[in-house]
Amino acid sequence: MNLWLRLLWLLLSRPFQPRLKPPFEASILPFRVWFHDLDTSLHMNNARYWGLMDLGRTDLMLRSGLWRAILRHGWVPVVNCGTIRFRRELRLFRPIRLETRMLCWAEGWVVMQHRILADGRDGSEIVAAVALVRAALYDRKGKAFVPVARLLAELGVEAESPLPSPEVEAFLRAEDAMREAGATAG
């Protein structure tokens, strides 16, 4: 239920936030670790990270204006693969920030990075978790993924994708290997 409340907060508060300029400006959302975010080890549950990251992608769509095209065309946001690296535990009441940004894209998908950040005791920034996801918008009527060039055009943006970093290339290769293994299994 708490993710629904956080989503409601996001939907109500985002119209009062500055518009994001896609594709390279990051969304930054503040959160706090609450009781319902904890697992039996009394730190934030692994699944909660993914739920918060959904909200980061939602914020990017809302504040960039992409949500208008999504509603108008009936497109559906999907994530088809992701990987996460947990670096620090997050305990009860800890304030955190979620940073979400597009890194690169190809014909019908984008690679996004999510970072969960906290402040250290000395005021330095701590990366508690970092994730990469490959996401897309699916056109149910056309039964195809929407080309990224069209998404950017809907936003009035013309941009070339940056080259994937080594970690993004490794992430995409791992996904290709998993897809091929699944196709040949059983």
N, C-alpha and C. Protein backbone atom coordinates (compact mmCIF):
# COMPACT_ATOMS: atom_id res chain seq x y z
N MET A 1 0.81 -1.20 0.00
CA MET A 1 0.00 0.00 0.00
C MET A 1 0.85 1.27 0.00
N ASN A 2 2.02 1.21 0.67
CA ASN A 2 2.80 2.43 0.77
C ASN A 2 3.29 2.94 -0.58
N LEU A 3 3.54 2.05 -1.54
CA LEU A 3 3.95 2.54 -2.86
C LEU A 3 2.82 3.29 -3.53
N TRP A 4 1.58 2.90 -3.27
CA TRP A 4 0.44 3.64 -3.80
C TRP A 4 0.40 5.05 -3.21
N LEU A 5 0.69 5.17 -1.92
CA LEU A 5 0.72 6.49 -1.28
C LEU A 5 1.87 7.33 -1.83
N ARG A 6 3.01 6.69 -2.03
CA ARG A 6 4.14 7.42 -2.62
C ARG A 6 3.83 7.83 -4.06
N LEU A 7 3.14 6.97 -4.81
CA LEU A 7 2.74 7.32 -6.17
C LEU A 7 1.77 8.50 -6.15
N LEU A 8 0.81 8.47 -5.24
CA LEU A 8 -0.14 9.58 -5.12
C LEU A 8 0.60 10.88 -4.80
N TRP A 9 1.55 10.81 -3.84
CA TRP A 9 2.36 11.98 -3.51
C TRP A 9 3.08 12.49 -4.76
N LEU A 10 3.64 11.56 -5.53
CA LEU A 10 4.38 11.94 -6.75
C LEU A 10 3.44 12.65 -7.74
N LEU A 11 2.28 12.07 -7.97
CA LEU A 11 1.33 12.65 -8.93
C LEU A 11 0.85 14.03 -8.49
N LEU A 12 0.69 14.22 -7.19
CA LEU A 12 0.21 15.51 -6.69
C LEU A 12 1.30 16.57 -6.61
N SER A 13 2.53 16.15 -6.35
CA SER A 13 3.61 17.12 -6.15
C SER A 13 4.37 17.48 -7.42
N ARG A 14 4.40 16.62 -8.41
CA ARG A 14 5.24 16.86 -9.59
C ARG A 14 4.83 18.06 -10.42
N PRO A 15 3.54 18.39 -10.52
CA PRO A 15 3.21 19.57 -11.32
C PRO A 15 3.84 20.86 -10.79
N PHE A 16 4.27 20.85 -9.54
CA PHE A 16 4.86 22.04 -8.94
C PHE A 16 6.38 22.03 -8.98
N GLN A 17 6.94 21.01 -9.60
CA GLN A 17 8.39 20.89 -9.74
C GLN A 17 8.82 21.39 -11.12
N PRO A 18 10.07 21.83 -11.24
CA PRO A 18 10.54 22.29 -12.56
C PRO A 18 10.50 21.15 -13.59
N ARG A 19 10.21 21.53 -14.81
CA ARG A 19 10.18 20.56 -15.91
C ARG A 19 11.60 20.03 -16.17
N LEU A 20 11.69 18.74 -16.46
CA LEU A 20 12.98 18.14 -16.81
C LEU A 20 13.20 18.24 -18.31
N LYS A 21 14.42 18.48 -18.69
CA LYS A 21 14.77 18.54 -20.11
C LYS A 21 15.38 17.22 -20.52
N PRO A 22 14.60 16.38 -21.20
CA PRO A 22 15.13 15.09 -21.64
C PRO A 22 16.12 15.29 -22.77
N PRO A 23 16.96 14.36 -23.04
CA PRO A 23 17.03 13.06 -22.39
C PRO A 23 18.08 12.97 -21.28
N PHE A 24 18.80 14.05 -20.99
CA PHE A 24 19.96 13.88 -20.11
C PHE A 24 19.80 14.44 -18.70
N GLU A 25 18.74 15.17 -18.43
CA GLU A 25 18.56 15.70 -17.08
C GLU A 25 17.98 14.61 -16.17
N ALA A 26 18.49 14.52 -14.96
CA ALA A 26 18.09 13.46 -14.03
C ALA A 26 16.93 13.88 -13.15
N SER A 27 16.13 12.90 -12.79
CA SER A 27 15.10 13.06 -11.77
C SER A 27 15.74 12.74 -10.43
N ILE A 28 15.44 13.55 -9.43
CA ILE A 28 15.92 13.27 -8.08
C ILE A 28 14.72 13.35 -7.15
N LEU A 29 14.43 12.24 -6.47
CA LEU A 29 13.29 12.15 -5.56
C LEU A 29 13.76 11.87 -4.15
N PRO A 30 13.25 12.61 -3.17
CA PRO A 30 13.60 12.33 -1.77
C PRO A 30 12.65 11.30 -1.17
N PHE A 31 13.18 10.42 -0.36
CA PHE A 31 12.38 9.43 0.37
C PHE A 31 12.98 9.27 1.76
N ARG A 32 12.29 8.50 2.57
CA ARG A 32 12.78 8.10 3.88
C ARG A 32 12.42 6.63 4.04
N VAL A 33 13.27 5.87 4.71
CA VAL A 33 13.02 4.45 4.95
C VAL A 33 12.03 4.35 6.12
N TRP A 34 10.87 3.73 5.86
CA TRP A 34 9.83 3.57 6.87
C TRP A 34 9.72 2.11 7.28
N PHE A 35 8.92 1.83 8.31
CA PHE A 35 8.75 0.48 8.84
C PHE A 35 8.35 -0.51 7.75
N HIS A 36 7.42 -0.10 6.89
CA HIS A 36 6.93 -1.00 5.85
C HIS A 36 7.94 -1.24 4.73
N ASP A 37 9.08 -0.57 4.76
CA ASP A 37 10.14 -0.79 3.78
C ASP A 37 11.13 -1.86 4.25
N LEU A 38 11.03 -2.28 5.50
CA LEU A 38 12.03 -3.16 6.10
C LEU A 38 11.75 -4.63 5.85
N ASP A 39 12.82 -5.42 5.86
CA ASP A 39 12.69 -6.88 5.82
C ASP A 39 13.02 -7.43 7.20
N THR A 40 13.18 -8.74 7.31
CA THR A 40 13.44 -9.37 8.60
C THR A 40 14.82 -9.03 9.17
N SER A 41 15.70 -8.50 8.34
CA SER A 41 17.02 -8.06 8.83
C SER A 41 17.00 -6.61 9.30
N LEU A 42 15.81 -6.00 9.26
CA LEU A 42 15.58 -4.62 9.70
C LEU A 42 16.35 -3.59 8.88
N HIS A 43 16.55 -3.90 7.60
CA HIS A 43 17.00 -2.89 6.66
C HIS A 43 16.07 -2.94 5.44
N MET A 44 16.23 -1.98 4.54
CA MET A 44 15.28 -1.88 3.43
C MET A 44 15.29 -3.16 2.60
N ASN A 45 14.10 -3.65 2.33
CA ASN A 45 13.89 -4.87 1.57
C ASN A 45 14.37 -4.69 0.13
N ASN A 46 14.98 -5.72 -0.43
CA ASN A 46 15.50 -5.66 -1.81
C ASN A 46 14.43 -5.26 -2.81
N ALA A 47 13.23 -5.79 -2.65
CA ALA A 47 12.15 -5.48 -3.60
C ALA A 47 11.74 -4.01 -3.53
N ARG A 48 11.90 -3.39 -2.38
CA ARG A 48 11.49 -1.99 -2.23
C ARG A 48 12.33 -1.08 -3.12
N TYR A 49 13.61 -1.43 -3.32
CA TYR A 49 14.45 -0.63 -4.21
C TYR A 49 13.82 -0.55 -5.60
N TRP A 50 13.40 -1.72 -6.13
CA TRP A 50 12.79 -1.75 -7.46
C TRP A 50 11.51 -0.92 -7.50
N GLY A 51 10.71 -0.99 -6.44
CA GLY A 51 9.47 -0.21 -6.39
C GLY A 51 9.75 1.28 -6.42
N LEU A 52 10.74 1.73 -5.66
CA LEU A 52 11.09 3.15 -5.68
C LEU A 52 11.61 3.56 -7.06
N MET A 53 12.34 2.67 -7.70
CA MET A 53 12.88 2.98 -9.02
C MET A 53 11.76 3.14 -10.05
N ASP A 54 10.67 2.40 -9.88
CA ASP A 54 9.49 2.63 -10.73
C ASP A 54 9.03 4.07 -10.61
N LEU A 55 9.06 4.60 -9.40
CA LEU A 55 8.63 5.98 -9.18
C LEU A 55 9.59 6.97 -9.83
N GLY A 56 10.88 6.64 -9.86
CA GLY A 56 11.85 7.50 -10.55
C GLY A 56 11.57 7.60 -12.04
N ARG A 57 11.25 6.45 -12.65
CA ARG A 57 10.91 6.48 -14.08
C ARG A 57 9.61 7.23 -14.31
N THR A 58 8.66 7.08 -13.40
CA THR A 58 7.40 7.81 -13.50
C THR A 58 7.65 9.31 -13.43
N ASP A 59 8.51 9.73 -12.51
CA ASP A 59 8.83 11.15 -12.39
C ASP A 59 9.45 11.69 -13.68
N LEU A 60 10.35 10.91 -14.29
CA LEU A 60 10.93 11.35 -15.58
C LEU A 60 9.84 11.55 -16.63
N MET A 61 8.89 10.61 -16.69
CA MET A 61 7.81 10.73 -17.69
C MET A 61 6.92 11.92 -17.40
N LEU A 62 6.61 12.15 -16.12
CA LEU A 62 5.74 13.26 -15.76
C LEU A 62 6.41 14.60 -16.00
N ARG A 63 7.61 14.77 -15.50
CA ARG A 63 8.25 16.08 -15.55
C ARG A 63 8.85 16.41 -16.91
N SER A 64 9.01 15.43 -17.78
CA SER A 64 9.48 15.71 -19.14
C SER A 64 8.30 16.03 -20.06
N GLY A 65 7.08 15.68 -19.63
CA GLY A 65 5.90 15.87 -20.46
C GLY A 65 5.56 14.66 -21.31
N LEU A 66 6.36 13.60 -21.21
CA LEU A 66 6.12 12.40 -22.01
C LEU A 66 4.79 11.74 -21.66
N TRP A 67 4.31 11.95 -20.45
CA TRP A 67 3.05 11.33 -20.02
C TRP A 67 1.89 11.71 -20.94
N ARG A 68 1.93 12.91 -21.51
CA ARG A 68 0.85 13.32 -22.42
C ARG A 68 0.78 12.41 -23.64
N ALA A 69 1.93 12.13 -24.24
CA ALA A 69 1.97 11.24 -25.41
C ALA A 69 1.58 9.82 -25.02
N ILE A 70 2.01 9.38 -23.84
CA ILE A 70 1.66 8.04 -23.37
C ILE A 70 0.16 7.89 -23.25
N LEU A 71 -0.50 8.86 -22.65
CA LEU A 71 -1.96 8.81 -22.52
C LEU A 71 -2.66 8.94 -23.88
N ARG A 72 -2.18 9.87 -24.69
CA ARG A 72 -2.81 10.12 -25.99
C ARG A 72 -2.76 8.89 -26.90
N HIS A 73 -1.64 8.18 -26.89
CA HIS A 73 -1.46 7.05 -27.79
C HIS A 73 -1.75 5.69 -27.15
N GLY A 74 -1.98 5.68 -25.83
CA GLY A 74 -2.24 4.41 -25.16
C GLY A 74 -1.01 3.53 -25.01
N TRP A 75 0.16 4.15 -24.95
CA TRP A 75 1.39 3.40 -24.80
C TRP A 75 1.53 2.88 -23.37
N VAL A 76 2.28 1.80 -23.20
CA VAL A 76 2.47 1.19 -21.89
C VAL A 76 3.97 1.13 -21.59
N PRO A 77 4.40 1.73 -20.46
CA PRO A 77 5.81 1.61 -20.08
C PRO A 77 6.12 0.20 -19.60
N VAL A 78 7.24 -0.34 -20.06
CA VAL A 78 7.68 -1.68 -19.63
C VAL A 78 9.18 -1.67 -19.36
N VAL A 79 9.57 -2.50 -18.42
CA VAL A 79 10.98 -2.78 -18.18
C VAL A 79 11.17 -4.24 -18.54
N ASN A 80 12.11 -4.52 -19.43
CA ASN A 80 12.28 -5.93 -19.81
C ASN A 80 13.53 -6.57 -19.23
N CYS A 81 14.40 -5.80 -18.59
CA CYS A 81 15.51 -6.41 -17.87
C CYS A 81 16.12 -5.38 -16.94
N GLY A 82 16.76 -5.88 -15.90
CA GLY A 82 17.39 -4.99 -14.95
C GLY A 82 18.41 -5.74 -14.11
N THR A 83 19.35 -4.99 -13.59
CA THR A 83 20.34 -5.54 -12.67
C THR A 83 20.59 -4.50 -11.60
N ILE A 84 20.88 -4.98 -10.41
CA ILE A 84 21.09 -4.06 -9.29
C ILE A 84 22.30 -4.51 -8.49
N ARG A 85 22.99 -3.55 -7.92
CA ARG A 85 24.13 -3.81 -7.03
C ARG A 85 23.87 -3.07 -5.74
N PHE A 86 23.75 -3.83 -4.64
CA PHE A 86 23.54 -3.25 -3.32
C PHE A 86 24.90 -2.97 -2.71
N ARG A 87 25.10 -1.75 -2.23
CA ARG A 87 26.41 -1.37 -1.70
C ARG A 87 26.39 -1.06 -0.22
N ARG A 88 25.30 -0.51 0.29
CA ARG A 88 25.17 -0.17 1.70
C ARG A 88 23.74 -0.48 2.13
N GLU A 89 23.58 -0.94 3.36
CA GLU A 89 22.24 -1.17 3.86
C GLU A 89 21.61 0.16 4.24
N LEU A 90 20.29 0.18 4.19
CA LEU A 90 19.55 1.37 4.58
C LEU A 90 18.64 1.01 5.75
N ARG A 91 18.83 1.69 6.85
CA ARG A 91 18.10 1.41 8.09
C ARG A 91 16.91 2.36 8.24
N LEU A 92 16.07 2.02 9.20
CA LEU A 92 14.85 2.76 9.50
C LEU A 92 15.11 4.26 9.68
N PHE A 93 14.24 5.05 9.07
CA PHE A 93 14.21 6.52 9.14
C PHE A 93 15.33 7.21 8.35
N ARG A 94 16.16 6.46 7.66
CA ARG A 94 17.27 7.07 6.91
C ARG A 94 16.71 7.86 5.73
N PRO A 95 17.05 9.12 5.60
CA PRO A 95 16.66 9.87 4.40
C PRO A 95 17.52 9.43 3.22
N ILE A 96 16.89 9.27 2.07
CA ILE A 96 17.59 8.84 0.86
C ILE A 96 17.10 9.66 -0.32
N ARG A 97 17.86 9.61 -1.39
CA ARG A 97 17.48 10.25 -2.65
C ARG A 97 17.59 9.21 -3.75
N LEU A 98 16.65 9.25 -4.64
CA LEU A 98 16.70 8.38 -5.83
C LEU A 98 17.01 9.26 -7.03
N GLU A 99 18.10 8.93 -7.70
CA GLU A 99 18.50 9.65 -8.92
C GLU A 99 18.24 8.72 -10.11
N THR A 100 17.47 9.19 -11.07
CA THR A 100 17.12 8.40 -12.25
C THR A 100 17.51 9.18 -13.50
N ARG A 101 18.23 8.52 -14.41
CA ARG A 101 18.64 9.21 -15.65
C ARG A 101 18.72 8.22 -16.80
N MET A 102 18.51 8.74 -18.00
CA MET A 102 18.72 7.97 -19.22
C MET A 102 20.21 8.00 -19.53
N LEU A 103 20.75 6.83 -19.88
CA LEU A 103 22.17 6.77 -20.24
C LEU A 103 22.39 6.70 -21.74
N CYS A 104 21.61 5.84 -22.40
CA CYS A 104 21.75 5.66 -23.85
C CYS A 104 20.50 4.95 -24.35
N TRP A 105 20.39 4.81 -25.67
CA TRP A 105 19.22 4.17 -26.24
C TRP A 105 19.55 3.60 -27.61
N ALA A 106 18.65 2.75 -28.05
CA ALA A 106 18.71 2.18 -29.40
C ALA A 106 17.32 2.33 -30.00
N GLU A 107 17.04 1.64 -31.05
CA GLU A 107 15.78 1.80 -31.79
C GLU A 107 14.54 1.86 -30.91
N GLY A 108 14.31 0.84 -30.11
CA GLY A 108 13.05 0.78 -29.37
C GLY A 108 13.19 0.70 -27.86
N TRP A 109 14.36 0.98 -27.30
CA TRP A 109 14.53 0.90 -25.86
C TRP A 109 15.55 1.91 -25.37
N VAL A 110 15.50 2.18 -24.06
CA VAL A 110 16.47 3.05 -23.42
C VAL A 110 17.09 2.29 -22.24
N VAL A 111 18.32 2.63 -21.93
CA VAL A 111 18.96 2.12 -20.71
C VAL A 111 18.97 3.28 -19.73
N MET A 112 18.44 2.98 -18.54
CA MET A 112 18.37 3.99 -17.49
C MET A 112 19.19 3.52 -16.29
N GLN A 113 19.72 4.49 -15.59
CA GLN A 113 20.46 4.21 -14.36
C GLN A 113 19.67 4.79 -13.19
N HIS A 114 19.58 3.99 -12.13
CA HIS A 114 18.98 4.44 -10.87
C HIS A 114 20.06 4.35 -9.81
N ARG A 115 20.19 5.41 -9.03
CA ARG A 115 21.11 5.37 -7.89
C ARG A 115 20.36 5.78 -6.64
N ILE A 116 20.48 4.98 -5.60
CA ILE A 116 19.93 5.33 -4.29
C ILE A 116 21.08 5.94 -3.50
N LEU A 117 20.90 7.19 -3.10
CA LEU A 117 21.96 7.95 -2.46
C LEU A 117 21.56 8.32 -1.03
N ALA A 118 22.54 8.39 -0.16
CA ALA A 118 22.34 8.84 1.22
C ALA A 118 23.54 9.69 1.60
N ASP A 119 23.39 10.44 2.67
CA ASP A 119 24.50 11.24 3.16
C ASP A 119 25.24 10.47 4.23
N GLY A 120 26.56 10.48 4.13
CA GLY A 120 27.39 9.85 5.15
C GLY A 120 27.48 10.75 6.38
N ARG A 121 28.06 10.22 7.43
CA ARG A 121 28.20 11.00 8.67
C ARG A 121 29.04 12.25 8.46
N ASP A 122 29.98 12.19 7.53
CA ASP A 122 30.82 13.35 7.25
C ASP A 122 30.22 14.28 6.20
N GLY A 123 28.98 13.97 5.77
CA GLY A 123 28.32 14.80 4.76
C GLY A 123 28.60 14.38 3.33
N SER A 124 29.47 13.41 3.14
CA SER A 124 29.76 12.92 1.79
C SER A 124 28.58 12.09 1.27
N GLU A 125 28.51 11.99 -0.02
CA GLU A 125 27.44 11.21 -0.66
C GLU A 125 27.82 9.73 -0.68
N ILE A 126 26.89 8.89 -0.26
CA ILE A 126 27.07 7.44 -0.27
C ILE A 126 26.13 6.86 -1.30
N VAL A 127 26.64 5.99 -2.16
CA VAL A 127 25.80 5.26 -3.10
C VAL A 127 25.40 3.96 -2.41
N ALA A 128 24.12 3.85 -2.03
CA ALA A 128 23.63 2.66 -1.33
C ALA A 128 23.31 1.54 -2.32
N ALA A 129 22.86 1.91 -3.51
CA ALA A 129 22.55 0.91 -4.54
C ALA A 129 22.59 1.60 -5.90
N VAL A 130 22.93 0.82 -6.91
CA VAL A 130 22.91 1.31 -8.28
C VAL A 130 22.30 0.22 -9.15
N ALA A 131 21.43 0.63 -10.06
CA ALA A 131 20.75 -0.33 -10.94
C ALA A 131 20.76 0.19 -12.37
N LEU A 132 20.77 -0.76 -13.29
CA LEU A 132 20.58 -0.47 -14.71
C LEU A 132 19.32 -1.20 -15.15
N VAL A 133 18.48 -0.52 -15.93
CA VAL A 133 17.30 -1.16 -16.50
C VAL A 133 17.22 -0.82 -17.97
N ARG A 134 16.68 -1.76 -18.73
CA ARG A 134 16.34 -1.49 -20.13
C ARG A 134 14.84 -1.37 -20.17
N ALA A 135 14.35 -0.23 -20.63
CA ALA A 135 12.93 0.08 -20.61
C ALA A 135 12.48 0.54 -21.99
N ALA A 136 11.19 0.49 -22.18
CA ALA A 136 10.61 0.89 -23.47
C ALA A 136 9.16 1.28 -23.25
N LEU A 137 8.58 1.85 -24.28
CA LEU A 137 7.13 2.08 -24.32
C LEU A 137 6.57 1.16 -25.39
N TYR A 138 5.52 0.45 -25.01
CA TYR A 138 4.91 -0.51 -25.92
C TYR A 138 3.60 0.05 -26.44
N ASP A 139 3.43 -0.01 -27.77
CA ASP A 139 2.21 0.44 -28.42
C ASP A 139 1.32 -0.79 -28.62
N ARG A 140 0.29 -0.92 -27.79
CA ARG A 140 -0.59 -2.09 -27.87
C ARG A 140 -1.33 -2.17 -29.20
N LYS A 141 -1.73 -1.01 -29.72
CA LYS A 141 -2.45 -1.01 -31.00
C LYS A 141 -1.54 -1.48 -32.13
N GLY A 142 -0.32 -0.96 -32.15
CA GLY A 142 0.62 -1.31 -33.20
C GLY A 142 1.38 -2.60 -32.93
N LYS A 143 1.20 -3.14 -31.72
CA LYS A 143 1.88 -4.38 -31.30
C LYS A 143 3.38 -4.32 -31.55
N ALA A 144 3.97 -3.18 -31.12
CA ALA A 144 5.41 -2.97 -31.30
C ALA A 144 5.90 -1.95 -30.29
N PHE A 145 7.19 -1.97 -30.06
CA PHE A 145 7.78 -0.96 -29.20
C PHE A 145 7.88 0.36 -29.96
N VAL A 146 7.67 1.45 -29.26
CA VAL A 146 7.71 2.77 -29.88
C VAL A 146 9.17 3.17 -30.09
N PRO A 147 9.54 3.56 -31.30
CA PRO A 147 10.93 3.98 -31.55
C PRO A 147 11.30 5.17 -30.66
N VAL A 148 12.51 5.15 -30.13
CA VAL A 148 12.96 6.22 -29.25
C VAL A 148 12.96 7.55 -29.99
N ALA A 149 13.27 7.55 -31.27
CA ALA A 149 13.24 8.80 -32.04
C ALA A 149 11.85 9.43 -31.99
N ARG A 150 10.81 8.60 -32.01
CA ARG A 150 9.45 9.13 -31.92
C ARG A 150 9.17 9.69 -30.53
N LEU A 151 9.65 9.01 -29.49
CA LEU A 151 9.48 9.52 -28.12
C LEU A 151 10.12 10.89 -27.98
N LEU A 152 11.34 11.01 -28.47
CA LEU A 152 12.04 12.28 -28.39
C LEU A 152 11.33 13.35 -29.21
N ALA A 153 10.82 12.97 -30.38
CA ALA A 153 10.08 13.93 -31.21
C ALA A 153 8.84 14.43 -30.49
N GLU A 154 8.17 13.53 -29.76
CA GLU A 154 6.98 13.94 -28.98
C GLU A 154 7.35 15.00 -27.96
N LEU A 155 8.61 14.98 -27.51
CA LEU A 155 9.08 15.95 -26.53
C LEU A 155 9.73 17.17 -27.18
N GLY A 156 9.80 17.16 -28.51
CA GLY A 156 10.44 18.26 -29.22
C GLY A 156 11.95 18.25 -29.08
N VAL A 157 12.51 17.06 -28.94
CA VAL A 157 13.95 16.91 -28.73
C VAL A 157 14.54 16.10 -29.87
N GLU A 158 15.69 16.53 -30.32
CA GLU A 158 16.45 15.75 -31.29
C GLU A 158 17.82 15.51 -30.69
N ALA A 159 18.15 14.25 -30.44
CA ALA A 159 19.42 13.93 -29.80
C ALA A 159 19.90 12.57 -30.25
N GLU A 160 21.21 12.44 -30.30
CA GLU A 160 21.84 11.16 -30.59
C GLU A 160 22.16 10.47 -29.27
N SER A 161 22.06 9.16 -29.26
CA SER A 161 22.39 8.41 -28.06
C SER A 161 23.89 8.46 -27.81
N PRO A 162 24.27 8.68 -26.57
CA PRO A 162 25.70 8.52 -26.24
C PRO A 162 26.10 7.07 -26.43
N LEU A 163 27.37 6.83 -26.62
CA LEU A 163 27.86 5.46 -26.70
C LEU A 163 27.68 4.80 -25.34
N PRO A 164 27.30 3.52 -25.32
CA PRO A 164 27.16 2.84 -24.02
C PRO A 164 28.51 2.73 -23.32
N SER A 165 28.49 2.94 -22.02
CA SER A 165 29.69 2.77 -21.20
C SER A 165 30.02 1.28 -21.11
N PRO A 166 31.21 0.92 -20.66
CA PRO A 166 31.56 -0.51 -20.53
C PRO A 166 30.57 -1.28 -19.66
N GLU A 167 30.09 -0.68 -18.57
CA GLU A 167 29.15 -1.41 -17.72
C GLU A 167 27.80 -1.60 -18.40
N VAL A 168 27.37 -0.63 -19.20
CA VAL A 168 26.12 -0.78 -19.95
C VAL A 168 26.28 -1.86 -21.02
N GLU A 169 27.41 -1.87 -21.72
CA GLU A 169 27.66 -2.92 -22.71
C GLU A 169 27.64 -4.30 -22.07
N ALA A 170 28.25 -4.43 -20.90
CA ALA A 170 28.26 -5.73 -20.19
C ALA A 170 26.84 -6.12 -19.78
N PHE A 171 26.07 -5.16 -19.31
CA PHE A 171 24.68 -5.39 -18.93
C PHE A 171 23.87 -5.89 -20.12
N LEU A 172 24.01 -5.25 -21.26
CA LEU A 172 23.26 -5.65 -22.46
C LEU A 172 23.72 -7.01 -22.98
N ARG A 173 25.01 -7.28 -22.93
CA ARG A 173 25.50 -8.61 -23.33
C ARG A 173 24.95 -9.70 -22.42
N ALA A 174 24.91 -9.43 -21.12
CA ALA A 174 24.36 -10.41 -20.17
C ALA A 174 22.89 -10.67 -20.45
N GLU A 175 22.15 -9.64 -20.77
CA GLU A 175 20.73 -9.83 -21.10
C GLU A 175 20.58 -10.64 -22.38
N ASP A 176 21.39 -10.37 -23.39
CA ASP A 176 21.34 -11.15 -24.63
C ASP A 176 21.64 -12.62 -24.34
N ALA A 177 22.64 -12.89 -23.50
CA ALA A 177 23.00 -14.27 -23.16
C ALA A 177 21.86 -14.96 -22.42
N MET A 178 21.20 -14.26 -21.50
CA MET A 178 20.07 -14.85 -20.78
C MET A 178 18.89 -15.13 -21.71
N ARG A 179 18.65 -14.21 -22.64
CA ARG A 179 17.54 -14.39 -23.60
C ARG A 179 17.82 -15.62 -24.47
N GLU A 180 19.06 -15.75 -24.94
CA GLU A 180 19.42 -16.91 -25.78
C GLU A 180 19.33 -18.20 -24.99
N ALA A 181 19.78 -18.18 -23.72
CA ALA A 181 19.70 -19.39 -22.89
C ALA A 181 18.25 -19.78 -22.65
N GLY A 182 17.38 -18.81 -22.45
CA GLY A 182 15.96 -19.10 -22.24
C GLY A 182 15.29 -19.65 -23.48
N ALA A 183 15.76 -19.22 -24.65
CA ALA A 183 15.17 -19.70 -25.91
C ALA A 183 15.55 -21.14 -26.19
N THR A 184 16.71 -21.56 -25.69
CA THR A 184 17.15 -22.93 -25.98
C THR A 184 16.87 -23.89 -24.83
N ALA A 185 16.43 -23.38 -23.71
CA ALA A 185 16.16 -24.25 -22.53
C ALA A 185 14.90 -25.09 -22.76
N GLY A 186 14.96 -26.29 -22.23
CA GLY A 186 13.87 -27.21 -22.12
C GLY A 186 13.01 -27.42 -23.26
